[in-house]
Amino acid sequence: MGRNHARTPAGLRVLRESPSLAAAPAVCVAGVVLDLVWVLGLGAWLLIAAILMELVYRP
């Protein structure tokens, strides 16, 4: 493999954080089911962070 295929520290960090941000829909659903607005808000912010991360970081 060439130099272009090596993972950068930023790339590794994104790969580590992606699964945690993938939990955003589950947190949103839990907020709706439990009728807790702050949990729903937390899920919404996690979803926004995941979308921004996908827009900024393109592998």
Protein backbone atom coordinates (compact mmCIF):
# COMPACT_ATOMS: atom_id res chain seq x y z
CA MET A 1 0.00 0.00 0.00
CA GLY A 2 1.14 3.49 -0.74
CA ARG A 3 1.39 6.48 1.53
CA ASN A 4 -2.08 7.68 0.53
CA HIS A 5 -3.72 4.65 2.11
CA ALA A 6 -2.34 5.24 5.61
CA ARG A 7 -4.79 6.35 8.28
CA THR A 8 -4.23 9.77 9.76
CA PRO A 9 -4.80 10.49 13.47
CA ALA A 10 -7.88 12.53 12.55
CA GLY A 11 -9.21 9.66 10.46
CA LEU A 12 -8.75 7.21 13.31
CA ARG A 13 -10.50 9.60 15.70
CA VAL A 14 -13.50 9.88 13.37
CA LEU A 15 -13.70 6.11 13.07
CA ARG A 16 -13.71 5.85 16.88
CA GLU A 17 -16.39 8.52 17.34
CA SER A 18 -18.73 7.40 14.56
CA PRO A 19 -20.35 4.49 16.45
CA SER A 20 -21.05 6.74 19.42
CA LEU A 21 -22.77 9.25 17.15
CA ALA A 22 -24.71 6.46 15.47
CA ALA A 23 -26.62 6.11 18.74
CA ALA A 24 -28.33 9.48 18.11
CA PRO A 25 -31.57 8.00 16.67
CA ALA A 26 -31.86 5.62 19.63
CA VAL A 27 -31.44 8.52 22.07
CA CYS A 28 -34.11 10.51 20.20
CA VAL A 29 -36.54 7.59 20.33
CA ALA A 30 -35.82 7.08 24.04
CA GLY A 31 -36.58 10.75 24.65
CA VAL A 32 -39.93 10.45 22.88
CA VAL A 33 -40.87 7.17 24.60
CA LEU A 34 -39.88 8.40 28.06
CA ASP A 35 -41.40 11.83 27.39
CA LEU A 36 -38.18 13.57 28.43
CA VAL A 37 -37.45 16.66 26.37
CA TRP A 38 -33.84 16.96 27.48
CA VAL A 39 -33.08 13.42 26.26
CA LEU A 40 -34.74 14.24 22.94
CA GLY A 41 -32.66 17.42 22.73
CA LEU A 42 -29.48 15.48 23.47
CA GLY A 43 -30.32 13.05 20.68
CA ALA A 44 -30.98 15.94 18.30
CA TRP A 45 -27.59 17.52 19.08
CA LEU A 46 -25.87 14.16 18.60
CA LEU A 47 -27.58 13.84 15.23
CA ILE A 48 -26.48 17.34 14.23
CA ALA A 49 -22.91 16.52 15.27
CA ALA A 50 -22.96 13.32 13.20
CA ILE A 51 -24.20 15.17 10.13
CA LEU A 52 -21.60 17.91 10.49
CA MET A 53 -18.86 15.34 10.97
CA GLU A 54 -19.91 13.57 7.77
CA LEU A 55 -19.97 16.88 5.89
CA VAL A 56 -16.57 18.00 7.11
CA TYR A 57 -14.69 14.69 7.05
CA ARG A 58 -14.79 12.78 3.78
CA PRO A 59 -12.53 9.69 3.68
